[in-house]
Amino acid sequence: MTIYNDLLSDFKELYLGYSALAIIVSSCLGSIAVMFILTHGNSIGQMIELSFVVIGCMAYNTAVLSQQKPKLVFNSLILSVAISLIFIIINIL
């Protein structure tokens, strides 16, 4: 938990800069995940995967734009990145 707490305190300290940078990172990872998902076709399974990635990325963007507390924004960033990375790994294999 110390890594999480260190990253959270750093995120809180420089909230404005990190949140703007993380919007770019989250959106880029999400678009990479979408690219890998759609290379396998466009059946209902891929559309469900696609919706999870889009919902994850949009949850982070919504948290930033609605000016939520930094801890909620940081947790939604972790969730967004994790969802994107999971679907990237699933679709690479």
PDB file of N, CA and C in Angstrom:
ATOM      1  N   MET A   1       0.810  -1.211   0.000  1.00  0.00           N
ATOM      2  CA  MET A   1       0.000   0.000   0.000  1.00  0.00           C
ATOM      3  C   MET A   1       0.846   1.265   0.000  1.00  0.00           C
ATOM      4  N   THR A   2       2.107   1.143   0.328  1.00  0.00           N
ATOM      5  CA  THR A   2       2.910   2.362   0.377  1.00  0.00           C
ATOM      6  C   THR A   2       3.114   2.951  -1.012  1.00  0.00           C
ATOM      7  N   ILE A   3       3.211   2.100  -2.036  1.00  0.00           N
ATOM      8  CA  ILE A   3       3.357   2.622  -3.395  1.00  0.00           C
ATOM      9  C   ILE A   3       2.096   3.386  -3.786  1.00  0.00           C
ATOM     10  N   TYR A   4       0.940   2.788  -3.480  1.00  0.00           N
ATOM     11  CA  TYR A   4      -0.331   3.447  -3.782  1.00  0.00           C
ATOM     12  C   TYR A   4      -0.425   4.779  -3.052  1.00  0.00           C
ATOM     13  N   ASN A   5      -0.089   4.798  -1.770  1.00  0.00           N
ATOM     14  CA  ASN A   5      -0.181   6.038  -0.989  1.00  0.00           C
ATOM     15  C   ASN A   5       0.797   7.092  -1.479  1.00  0.00           C
ATOM     16  N   ASP A   6       1.998   6.668  -1.873  1.00  0.00           N
ATOM     17  CA  ASP A   6       2.976   7.614  -2.417  1.00  0.00           C
ATOM     18  C   ASP A   6       2.485   8.213  -3.733  1.00  0.00           C
ATOM     19  N   LEU A   7       1.975   7.356  -4.604  1.00  0.00           N
ATOM     20  CA  LEU A   7       1.470   7.855  -5.886  1.00  0.00           C
ATOM     21  C   LEU A   7       0.254   8.759  -5.691  1.00  0.00           C
ATOM     22  N   LEU A   8      -0.623   8.398  -4.754  1.00  0.00           N
ATOM     23  CA  LEU A   8      -1.800   9.217  -4.490  1.00  0.00           C
ATOM     24  C   LEU A   8      -1.423  10.581  -3.939  1.00  0.00           C
ATOM     25  N   SER A   9      -0.465  10.630  -3.013  1.00  0.00           N
ATOM     26  CA  SER A   9      -0.065  11.932  -2.464  1.00  0.00           C
ATOM     27  C   SER A   9       0.617  12.793  -3.523  1.00  0.00           C
ATOM     28  N   ASP A  10       1.390  12.171  -4.406  1.00  0.00           N
ATOM     29  CA  ASP A  10       2.008  12.912  -5.501  1.00  0.00           C
ATOM     30  C   ASP A  10       0.949  13.409  -6.478  1.00  0.00           C
ATOM     31  N   PHE A  11      -0.060  12.575  -6.750  1.00  0.00           N
ATOM     32  CA  PHE A  11      -1.149  12.965  -7.642  1.00  0.00           C
ATOM     33  C   PHE A  11      -1.934  14.128  -7.057  1.00  0.00           C
ATOM     34  N   LYS A  12      -2.185  14.085  -5.749  1.00  0.00           N
ATOM     35  CA  LYS A  12      -2.920  15.171  -5.096  1.00  0.00           C
ATOM     36  C   LYS A  12      -2.135  16.478  -5.136  1.00  0.00           C
ATOM     37  N   GLU A  13      -0.818  16.374  -4.986  1.00  0.00           N
ATOM     38  CA  GLU A  13       0.027  17.575  -4.961  1.00  0.00           C
ATOM     39  C   GLU A  13       0.032  18.299  -6.304  1.00  0.00           C
ATOM     40  N   LEU A  14       0.104  17.541  -7.376  1.00  0.00           N
ATOM     41  CA  LEU A  14       0.144  18.125  -8.718  1.00  0.00           C
ATOM     42  C   LEU A  14      -1.081  17.687  -9.513  1.00  0.00           C
ATOM     43  N   TYR A  15      -2.247  17.857  -8.929  1.00  0.00           N
ATOM     44  CA  TYR A  15      -3.496  17.317  -9.454  1.00  0.00           C
ATOM     45  C   TYR A  15      -3.795  17.814 -10.867  1.00  0.00           C
ATOM     46  N   LEU A  16      -3.678  19.087 -11.101  1.00  0.00           N
ATOM     47  CA  LEU A  16      -4.071  19.649 -12.394  1.00  0.00           C
ATOM     48  C   LEU A  16      -3.216  19.106 -13.535  1.00  0.00           C
ATOM     49  N   GLY A  17      -1.918  19.062 -13.328  1.00  0.00           N
ATOM     50  CA  GLY A  17      -1.024  18.570 -14.379  1.00  0.00           C
ATOM     51  C   GLY A  17      -1.169  17.084 -14.629  1.00  0.00           C
ATOM     52  N   TYR A  18      -1.235  16.320 -13.544  1.00  0.00           N
ATOM     53  CA  TYR A  18      -1.358  14.876 -13.703  1.00  0.00           C
ATOM     54  C   TYR A  18      -2.691  14.469 -14.301  1.00  0.00           C
ATOM     55  N   SER A  19      -3.747  15.165 -13.935  1.00  0.00           N
ATOM     56  CA  SER A  19      -5.045  14.779 -14.484  1.00  0.00           C
ATOM     57  C   SER A  19      -5.109  15.062 -15.980  1.00  0.00           C
ATOM     58  N   ALA A  20      -4.513  16.147 -16.423  1.00  0.00           N
ATOM     59  CA  ALA A  20      -4.489  16.443 -17.862  1.00  0.00           C
ATOM     60  C   ALA A  20      -3.631  15.436 -18.613  1.00  0.00           C
ATOM     61  N   LEU A  21      -2.483  15.099 -18.056  1.00  0.00           N
ATOM     62  CA  LEU A  21      -1.609  14.110 -18.687  1.00  0.00           C
ATOM     63  C   LEU A  21      -2.261  12.733 -18.696  1.00  0.00           C
ATOM     64  N   ALA A  22      -2.956  12.403 -17.625  1.00  0.00           N
ATOM     65  CA  ALA A  22      -3.591  11.086 -17.531  1.00  0.00           C
ATOM     66  C   ALA A  22      -4.778  10.949 -18.479  1.00  0.00           C
ATOM     67  N   ILE A  23      -5.436  12.046 -18.821  1.00  0.00           N
ATOM     68  CA  ILE A  23      -6.503  11.979 -19.822  1.00  0.00           C
ATOM     69  C   ILE A  23      -5.919  11.505 -21.150  1.00  0.00           C
ATOM     70  N   ILE A  24      -4.763  12.020 -21.506  1.00  0.00           N
ATOM     71  CA  ILE A  24      -4.110  11.612 -22.751  1.00  0.00           C
ATOM     72  C   ILE A  24      -3.698  10.146 -22.675  1.00  0.00           C
ATOM     73  N   VAL A  25      -3.102   9.739 -21.553  1.00  0.00           N
ATOM     74  CA  VAL A  25      -2.645   8.356 -21.395  1.00  0.00           C
ATOM     75  C   VAL A  25      -3.827   7.390 -21.432  1.00  0.00           C
ATOM     76  N   SER A  26      -4.874   7.708 -20.694  1.00  0.00           N
ATOM     77  CA  SER A  26      -6.050   6.841 -20.642  1.00  0.00           C
ATOM     78  C   SER A  26      -6.702   6.718 -22.013  1.00  0.00           C
ATOM     79  N   SER A  27      -6.826   7.824 -22.715  1.00  0.00           N
ATOM     80  CA  SER A  27      -7.451   7.801 -24.037  1.00  0.00           C
ATOM     81  C   SER A  27      -6.604   7.041 -25.054  1.00  0.00           C
ATOM     82  N   CYS A  28      -5.289   7.213 -24.993  1.00  0.00           N
ATOM     83  CA  CYS A  28      -4.411   6.490 -25.924  1.00  0.00           C
ATOM     84  C   CYS A  28      -4.426   4.989 -25.656  1.00  0.00           C
ATOM     85  N   LEU A  29      -4.356   4.600 -24.386  1.00  0.00           N
ATOM     86  CA  LEU A  29      -4.424   3.177 -24.065  1.00  0.00           C
ATOM     87  C   LEU A  29      -5.777   2.590 -24.463  1.00  0.00           C
ATOM     88  N   GLY A  30      -6.832   3.347 -24.246  1.00  0.00           N
ATOM     89  CA  GLY A  30      -8.158   2.900 -24.645  1.00  0.00           C
ATOM     90  C   GLY A  30      -8.267   2.714 -26.143  1.00  0.00           C
ATOM     91  N   SER A  31      -7.692   3.627 -26.906  1.00  0.00           N
ATOM     92  CA  SER A  31      -7.768   3.493 -28.364  1.00  0.00           C
ATOM     93  C   SER A  31      -6.917   2.330 -28.863  1.00  0.00           C
ATOM     94  N   ILE A  32      -5.806   2.052 -28.192  1.00  0.00           N
ATOM     95  CA  ILE A  32      -5.001   0.878 -28.553  1.00  0.00           C
ATOM     96  C   ILE A  32      -5.781  -0.398 -28.265  1.00  0.00           C
ATOM     97  N   ALA A  33      -6.461  -0.432 -27.112  1.00  0.00           N
ATOM     98  CA  ALA A  33      -7.276  -1.596 -26.773  1.00  0.00           C
ATOM     99  C   ALA A  33      -8.401  -1.784 -27.785  1.00  0.00           C
ATOM    100  N   VAL A  34      -9.029  -0.695 -28.186  1.00  0.00           N
ATOM    101  CA  VAL A  34     -10.101  -0.772 -29.187  1.00  0.00           C
ATOM    102  C   VAL A  34      -9.566  -1.294 -30.511  1.00  0.00           C
ATOM    103  N   MET A  35      -8.375  -0.863 -30.900  1.00  0.00           N
ATOM    104  CA  MET A  35      -7.782  -1.339 -32.144  1.00  0.00           C
ATOM    105  C   MET A  35      -7.567  -2.845 -32.098  1.00  0.00           C
ATOM    106  N   PHE A  36      -7.022  -3.351 -30.970  1.00  0.00           N
ATOM    107  CA  PHE A  36      -6.794  -4.788 -30.859  1.00  0.00           C
ATOM    108  C   PHE A  36      -8.112  -5.559 -30.815  1.00  0.00           C
ATOM    109  N   ILE A  37      -9.111  -5.009 -30.154  1.00  0.00           N
ATOM    110  CA  ILE A  37     -10.415  -5.688 -30.093  1.00  0.00           C
ATOM    111  C   ILE A  37     -11.028  -5.791 -31.484  1.00  0.00           C
ATOM    112  N   LEU A  38     -11.000  -4.702 -32.231  1.00  0.00           N
ATOM    113  CA  LEU A  38     -11.658  -4.692 -33.540  1.00  0.00           C
ATOM    114  C   LEU A  38     -10.888  -5.435 -34.619  1.00  0.00           C
ATOM    115  N   THR A  39      -9.618  -5.773 -34.363  1.00  0.00           N
ATOM    116  CA  THR A  39      -8.889  -6.580 -35.347  1.00  0.00           C
ATOM    117  C   THR A  39      -9.388  -8.017 -35.364  1.00  0.00           C
ATOM    118  N   HIS A  40     -10.112  -8.423 -34.328  1.00  0.00           N
ATOM    119  CA  HIS A  40     -10.651  -9.783 -34.266  1.00  0.00           C
ATOM    120  C   HIS A  40     -12.090  -9.862 -34.764  1.00  0.00           C
ATOM    121  N   GLY A  41     -12.595  -8.818 -35.349  1.00  0.00           N
ATOM    122  CA  GLY A  41     -13.945  -8.843 -35.902  1.00  0.00           C
ATOM    123  C   GLY A  41     -14.864  -7.882 -35.177  1.00  0.00           C
ATOM    124  N   ASN A  42     -16.156  -7.989 -35.495  1.00  0.00           N
ATOM    125  CA  ASN A  42     -17.129  -7.103 -34.885  1.00  0.00           C
ATOM    126  C   ASN A  42     -18.387  -7.852 -34.444  1.00  0.00           C
ATOM    127  N   SER A  43     -18.179  -9.010 -33.826  1.00  0.00           N
ATOM    128  CA  SER A  43     -19.307  -9.778 -33.316  1.00  0.00           C
ATOM    129  C   SER A  43     -19.765  -9.202 -31.976  1.00  0.00           C
ATOM    130  N   ILE A  44     -20.756  -9.828 -31.385  1.00  0.00           N
ATOM    131  CA  ILE A  44     -21.314  -9.326 -30.130  1.00  0.00           C
ATOM    132  C   ILE A  44     -20.277  -9.385 -29.003  1.00  0.00           C
ATOM    133  N   GLY A  45     -19.405 -10.388 -29.030  1.00  0.00           N
ATOM    134  CA  GLY A  45     -18.356 -10.493 -28.010  1.00  0.00           C
ATOM    135  C   GLY A  45     -17.394  -9.311 -28.060  1.00  0.00           C
ATOM    136  N   GLN A  46     -16.989  -8.952 -29.258  1.00  0.00           N
ATOM    137  CA  GLN A  46     -16.093  -7.805 -29.409  1.00  0.00           C
ATOM    138  C   GLN A  46     -16.787  -6.501 -29.022  1.00  0.00           C
ATOM    139  N   MET A  47     -18.065  -6.398 -29.308  1.00  0.00           N
ATOM    140  CA  MET A  47     -18.794  -5.174 -28.951  1.00  0.00           C
ATOM    141  C   MET A  47     -18.947  -5.046 -27.432  1.00  0.00           C
ATOM    142  N   ILE A  48     -19.079  -6.170 -26.736  1.00  0.00           N
ATOM    143  CA  ILE A  48     -19.132  -6.124 -25.272  1.00  0.00           C
ATOM    144  C   ILE A  48     -17.783  -5.703 -24.711  1.00  0.00           C
ATOM    145  N   GLU A  49     -16.696  -6.277 -25.248  1.00  0.00           N
ATOM    146  CA  GLU A  49     -15.354  -5.863 -24.836  1.00  0.00           C
ATOM    147  C   GLU A  49     -15.146  -4.374 -25.105  1.00  0.00           C
ATOM    148  N   LEU A  50     -15.577  -3.950 -26.274  1.00  0.00           N
ATOM    149  CA  LEU A  50     -15.444  -2.550 -26.665  1.00  0.00           C
ATOM    150  C   LEU A  50     -16.176  -1.633 -25.693  1.00  0.00           C
ATOM    151  N   SER A  51     -17.362  -2.038 -25.279  1.00  0.00           N
ATOM    152  CA  SER A  51     -18.132  -1.195 -24.358  1.00  0.00           C
ATOM    153  C   SER A  51     -17.460  -1.100 -22.994  1.00  0.00           C
ATOM    154  N   PHE A  52     -16.820  -2.187 -22.527  1.00  0.00           N
ATOM    155  CA  PHE A  52     -16.101  -2.112 -21.254  1.00  0.00           C
ATOM    156  C   PHE A  52     -14.948  -1.113 -21.315  1.00  0.00           C
ATOM    157  N   VAL A  53     -14.204  -1.141 -22.416  1.00  0.00           N
ATOM    158  CA  VAL A  53     -13.078  -0.218 -22.566  1.00  0.00           C
ATOM    159  C   VAL A  53     -13.563   1.223 -22.644  1.00  0.00           C
ATOM    160  N   VAL A  54     -14.599   1.463 -23.415  1.00  0.00           N
ATOM    161  CA  VAL A  54     -15.125   2.827 -23.563  1.00  0.00           C
ATOM    162  C   VAL A  54     -15.686   3.334 -22.242  1.00  0.00           C
ATOM    163  N   ILE A  55     -16.416   2.487 -21.529  1.00  0.00           N
ATOM    164  CA  ILE A  55     -16.965   2.901 -20.234  1.00  0.00           C
ATOM    165  C   ILE A  55     -15.849   3.212 -19.246  1.00  0.00           C
ATOM    166  N   GLY A  56     -14.790   2.403 -19.245  1.00  0.00           N
ATOM    167  CA  GLY A  56     -13.663   2.650 -18.341  1.00  0.00           C
ATOM    168  C   GLY A  56     -12.971   3.973 -18.621  1.00  0.00           C
ATOM    169  N   CYS A  57     -12.713   4.241 -19.896  1.00  0.00           N
ATOM    170  CA  CYS A  57     -12.040   5.497 -20.256  1.00  0.00           C
ATOM    171  C   CYS A  57     -12.931   6.709 -20.000  1.00  0.00           C
ATOM    172  N   MET A  58     -14.192   6.577 -20.317  1.00  0.00           N
ATOM    173  CA  MET A  58     -15.109   7.701 -20.101  1.00  0.00           C
ATOM    174  C   MET A  58     -15.365   7.950 -18.618  1.00  0.00           C
ATOM    175  N   ALA A  59     -15.276   6.915 -17.793  1.00  0.00           N
ATOM    176  CA  ALA A  59     -15.440   7.111 -16.346  1.00  0.00           C
ATOM    177  C   ALA A  59     -14.335   8.013 -15.800  1.00  0.00           C
ATOM    178  N   TYR A  60     -13.108   7.786 -16.279  1.00  0.00           N
ATOM    179  CA  TYR A  60     -12.016   8.651 -15.834  1.00  0.00           C
ATOM    180  C   TYR A  60     -12.217  10.079 -16.343  1.00  0.00           C
ATOM    181  N   ASN A  61     -12.535  10.227 -17.615  1.00  0.00           N
ATOM    182  CA  ASN A  61     -12.742  11.571 -18.164  1.00  0.00           C
ATOM    183  C   ASN A  61     -13.872  12.299 -17.445  1.00  0.00           C
ATOM    184  N   THR A  62     -14.921  11.581 -17.103  1.00  0.00           N
ATOM    185  CA  THR A  62     -16.040  12.181 -16.381  1.00  0.00           C
ATOM    186  C   THR A  62     -15.627  12.614 -14.982  1.00  0.00           C
ATOM    187  N   ALA A  63     -14.826  11.787 -14.319  1.00  0.00           N
ATOM    188  CA  ALA A  63     -14.370  12.136 -12.967  1.00  0.00           C
ATOM    189  C   ALA A  63     -13.522  13.404 -12.985  1.00  0.00           C
ATOM    190  N   VAL A  64     -12.687  13.555 -14.007  1.00  0.00           N
ATOM    191  CA  VAL A  64     -11.854  14.763 -14.096  1.00  0.00           C
ATOM    192  C   VAL A  64     -12.708  15.983 -14.413  1.00  0.00           C
ATOM    193  N   LEU A  65     -13.566  15.853 -15.406  1.00  0.00           N
ATOM    194  CA  LEU A  65     -14.348  17.004 -15.846  1.00  0.00           C
ATOM    195  C   LEU A  65     -15.398  17.446 -14.835  1.00  0.00           C
ATOM    196  N   SER A  66     -15.870  16.514 -14.003  1.00  0.00           N
ATOM    197  CA  SER A  66     -16.845  16.897 -12.981  1.00  0.00           C
ATOM    198  C   SER A  66     -16.179  17.306 -11.675  1.00  0.00           C
ATOM    199  N   GLN A  67     -14.862  17.416 -11.681  1.00  0.00           N
ATOM    200  CA  GLN A  67     -14.051  17.909 -10.562  1.00  0.00           C
ATOM    201  C   GLN A  67     -14.319  17.142  -9.274  1.00  0.00           C
ATOM    202  N   GLN A  68     -14.202  15.820  -9.375  1.00  0.00           N
ATOM    203  CA  GLN A  68     -14.347  14.972  -8.205  1.00  0.00           C
ATOM    204  C   GLN A  68     -13.110  15.091  -7.321  1.00  0.00           C
ATOM    205  N   LYS A  69     -13.158  14.469  -6.160  1.00  0.00           N
ATOM    206  CA  LYS A  69     -12.014  14.487  -5.249  1.00  0.00           C
ATOM    207  C   LYS A  69     -10.840  13.759  -5.898  1.00  0.00           C
ATOM    208  N   PRO A  70      -9.622  14.209  -5.590  1.00  0.00           N
ATOM    209  CA  PRO A  70      -8.442  13.596  -6.240  1.00  0.00           C
ATOM    210  C   PRO A  70      -8.337  12.087  -6.035  1.00  0.00           C
ATOM    211  N   LYS A  71      -8.747  11.582  -4.874  1.00  0.00           N
ATOM    212  CA  LYS A  71      -8.652  10.137  -4.648  1.00  0.00           C
ATOM    213  C   LYS A  71      -9.579   9.377  -5.592  1.00  0.00           C
ATOM    214  N   LEU A  72     -10.784   9.868  -5.808  1.00  0.00           N
ATOM    215  CA  LEU A  72     -11.713   9.230  -6.733  1.00  0.00           C
ATOM    216  C   LEU A  72     -11.187   9.296  -8.162  1.00  0.00           C
ATOM    217  N   VAL A  73     -10.619  10.420  -8.526  1.00  0.00           N
ATOM    218  CA  VAL A  73     -10.052  10.571  -9.872  1.00  0.00           C
ATOM    219  C   VAL A  73      -8.879   9.609 -10.059  1.00  0.00           C
ATOM    220  N   PHE A  74      -8.029   9.501  -9.049  1.00  0.00           N
ATOM    221  CA  PHE A  74      -6.870   8.611  -9.125  1.00  0.00           C
ATOM    222  C   PHE A  74      -7.318   7.149  -9.217  1.00  0.00           C
ATOM    223  N   ASN A  75      -8.307   6.775  -8.436  1.00  0.00           N
ATOM    224  CA  ASN A  75      -8.811   5.397  -8.489  1.00  0.00           C
ATOM    225  C   ASN A  75      -9.467   5.089  -9.830  1.00  0.00           C
ATOM    226  N   SER A  76     -10.169   6.058 -10.396  1.00  0.00           N
ATOM    227  CA  SER A  76     -10.771   5.824 -11.712  1.00  0.00           C
ATOM    228  C   SER A  76      -9.701   5.755 -12.804  1.00  0.00           C
ATOM    229  N   LEU A  77      -8.596   6.466 -12.620  1.00  0.00           N
ATOM    230  CA  LEU A  77      -7.477   6.350 -13.558  1.00  0.00           C
ATOM    231  C   LEU A  77      -6.892   4.946 -13.511  1.00  0.00           C
ATOM    232  N   ILE A  78      -6.683   4.430 -12.312  1.00  0.00           N
ATOM    233  CA  ILE A  78      -6.149   3.079 -12.173  1.00  0.00           C
ATOM    234  C   ILE A  78      -7.091   2.069 -12.818  1.00  0.00           C
ATOM    235  N   LEU A  79      -8.386   2.231 -12.587  1.00  0.00           N
ATOM    236  CA  LEU A  79      -9.375   1.332 -13.168  1.00  0.00           C
ATOM    237  C   LEU A  79      -9.364   1.410 -14.698  1.00  0.00           C
ATOM    238  N   SER A  80      -9.301   2.608 -15.232  1.00  0.00           N
ATOM    239  CA  SER A  80      -9.296   2.797 -16.683  1.00  0.00           C
ATOM    240  C   SER A  80      -8.065   2.158 -17.320  1.00  0.00           C
ATOM    241  N   VAL A  81      -6.912   2.392 -16.741  1.00  0.00           N
ATOM    242  CA  VAL A  81      -5.674   1.826 -17.283  1.00  0.00           C
ATOM    243  C   VAL A  81      -5.692   0.304 -17.160  1.00  0.00           C
ATOM    244  N   ALA A  82      -6.187  -0.199 -16.034  1.00  0.00           N
ATOM    245  CA  ALA A  82      -6.232  -1.650 -15.833  1.00  0.00           C
ATOM    246  C   ALA A  82      -7.157  -2.316 -16.844  1.00  0.00           C
ATOM    247  N   ILE A  83      -8.331  -1.747 -17.059  1.00  0.00           N
ATOM    248  CA  ILE A  83      -9.264  -2.318 -18.035  1.00  0.00           C
ATOM    249  C   ILE A  83      -8.647  -2.328 -19.428  1.00  0.00           C
ATOM    250  N   SER A  84      -8.040  -1.225 -19.812  1.00  0.00           N
ATOM    251  CA  SER A  84      -7.429  -1.157 -21.147  1.00  0.00           C
ATOM    252  C   SER A  84      -6.301  -2.172 -21.293  1.00  0.00           C
ATOM    253  N   LEU A  85      -5.447  -2.271 -20.286  1.00  0.00           N
ATOM    254  CA  LEU A  85      -4.327  -3.211 -20.365  1.00  0.00           C
ATOM    255  C   LEU A  85      -4.806  -4.659 -20.382  1.00  0.00           C
ATOM    256  N   ILE A  86      -5.838  -4.960 -19.602  1.00  0.00           N
ATOM    257  CA  ILE A  86      -6.374  -6.326 -19.592  1.00  0.00           C
ATOM    258  C   ILE A  86      -6.886  -6.707 -20.976  1.00  0.00           C
ATOM    259  N   PHE A  87      -7.640  -5.823 -21.607  1.00  0.00           N
ATOM    260  CA  PHE A  87      -8.173  -6.159 -22.929  1.00  0.00           C
ATOM    261  C   PHE A  87      -7.109  -6.125 -24.009  1.00  0.00           C
ATOM    262  N   ILE A  88      -6.060  -5.345 -23.839  1.00  0.00           N
ATOM    263  CA  ILE A  88      -4.932  -5.401 -24.781  1.00  0.00           C
ATOM    264  C   ILE A  88      -4.269  -6.760 -24.679  1.00  0.00           C
ATOM    265  N   ILE A  89      -3.994  -7.213 -23.473  1.00  0.00           N
ATOM    266  CA  ILE A  89      -3.332  -8.495 -23.275  1.00  0.00           C
ATOM    267  C   ILE A  89      -4.205  -9.643 -23.775  1.00  0.00           C
ATOM    268  N   ILE A  90      -5.492  -9.600 -23.466  1.00  0.00           N
ATOM    269  CA  ILE A  90      -6.406 -10.668 -23.919  1.00  0.00           C
ATOM    270  C   ILE A  90      -6.408 -10.756 -25.442  1.00  0.00           C
ATOM    271  N   ASN A  91      -6.437  -9.625 -26.120  1.00  0.00           N
ATOM    272  CA  ASN A  91      -6.555  -9.654 -27.580  1.00  0.00           C
ATOM    273  C   ASN A  91      -5.230  -9.835 -28.284  1.00  0.00           C
ATOM    274  N   ILE A  92      -4.123  -9.658 -27.591  1.00  0.00           N
ATOM    275  CA  ILE A  92      -2.832  -9.988 -28.195  1.00  0.00           C
ATOM    276  C   ILE A  92      -2.650 -11.503 -28.204  1.00  0.00           C
ATOM    277  N   LEU A  93      -3.056 -12.140 -27.115  1.00  0.00           N
ATOM    278  CA  LEU A  93      -2.913 -13.593 -27.023  1.00  0.00           C
ATOM    279  C   LEU A  93      -4.039 -14.226 -27.763  1.00  0.00           C
TER     280      LEU A  93
END
